[in-house]
Amino acid sequence: MDLEDLFPSKPGDPLVERARQDLDPMSIEELQARIAALKAEIARVETHMQRAQTHRSAAEELFKKP
């Protein structure tokens, strides 16, 4: 699978740039730090998604037809 399949091309997108970064010169400690940062970002996105879903469900309930 090509990176273009995973990450659509948007100029300057930090996620695309991070995915294309060469990992070979990185030390084990740098790779571990990278994994920790990515896991923190995943948690942040999941929290945001949950808030968005809760908000959407509340709006749908409010505007639901009787």
Protein backbone atom coordinates (compact mmCIF):
# COMPACT_ATOMS: atom_id res chain seq x y z
CA MET A 1 0.00 0.00 0.00
CA ASP A 2 1.36 3.38 -1.01
CA LEU A 3 1.44 6.40 1.32
CA GLU A 4 -0.78 8.26 -1.15
CA ASP A 5 -3.48 5.66 -0.49
CA LEU A 6 -3.30 6.28 3.26
CA PHE A 7 -2.78 10.02 3.24
CA PRO A 8 -4.32 12.13 0.49
CA SER A 9 -1.93 14.72 -0.88
CA LYS A 10 -2.39 18.10 0.79
CA PRO A 11 0.55 20.45 0.56
CA GLY A 12 2.07 21.18 3.95
CA ASP A 13 -0.05 18.64 5.84
CA PRO A 14 2.03 17.72 8.92
CA LEU A 15 0.59 14.20 9.05
CA VAL A 16 1.67 13.52 5.47
CA GLU A 17 5.12 14.94 6.16
CA ARG A 18 5.49 12.82 9.31
CA ALA A 19 4.44 9.67 7.45
CA ARG A 20 7.06 10.30 4.77
CA GLN A 21 9.90 10.98 7.21
CA ASP A 22 12.82 8.56 6.99
CA LEU A 23 12.98 6.50 10.19
CA ASP A 24 16.40 4.95 9.51
CA PRO A 25 18.52 7.65 11.17
CA MET A 26 16.37 7.71 14.33
CA SER A 27 17.53 6.09 17.55
CA ILE A 28 15.40 3.67 19.56
CA GLU A 29 14.70 6.46 22.08
CA GLU A 30 13.60 8.81 19.30
CA LEU A 31 11.34 6.13 17.84
CA GLN A 32 9.83 5.46 21.28
CA ALA A 33 9.20 9.18 21.74
CA ARG A 34 7.60 9.30 18.30
CA ILE A 35 5.30 6.40 19.19
CA ALA A 36 4.33 8.09 22.46
CA ALA A 37 3.52 11.33 20.63
CA LEU A 38 1.44 9.48 18.03
CA LYS A 39 -0.47 7.58 20.75
CA ALA A 40 -1.19 10.88 22.53
CA GLU A 41 -2.47 12.35 19.25
CA ILE A 42 -4.67 9.29 18.65
CA ALA A 43 -6.15 9.69 22.16
CA ARG A 44 -6.79 13.40 21.52
CA VAL A 45 -8.56 12.65 18.23
CA GLU A 46 -10.65 9.86 19.79
CA THR A 47 -11.73 12.22 22.59
CA HIS A 48 -12.70 14.84 20.05
CA MET A 49 -14.64 12.28 18.02
CA GLN A 50 -16.54 11.18 21.13
CA ARG A 51 -17.47 14.80 21.96
CA ALA A 52 -18.59 15.35 18.37
CA GLN A 53 -20.71 12.19 18.43
CA THR A 54 -22.30 13.19 21.74
CA HIS A 55 -23.07 16.65 20.36
CA ARG A 56 -24.54 15.18 17.17
CA SER A 57 -26.69 12.72 19.10
CA ALA A 58 -28.02 15.53 21.31
CA ALA A 59 -28.85 17.62 18.23
CA GLU A 60 -30.58 14.70 16.53
CA GLU A 61 -32.62 14.05 19.66
CA LEU A 62 -33.61 17.72 19.89
CA PHE A 63 -34.75 17.93 16.27
CA LYS A 64 -36.26 14.44 16.01
CA LYS A 65 -39.77 14.32 14.59
CA PRO A 66 -42.43 13.14 17.06
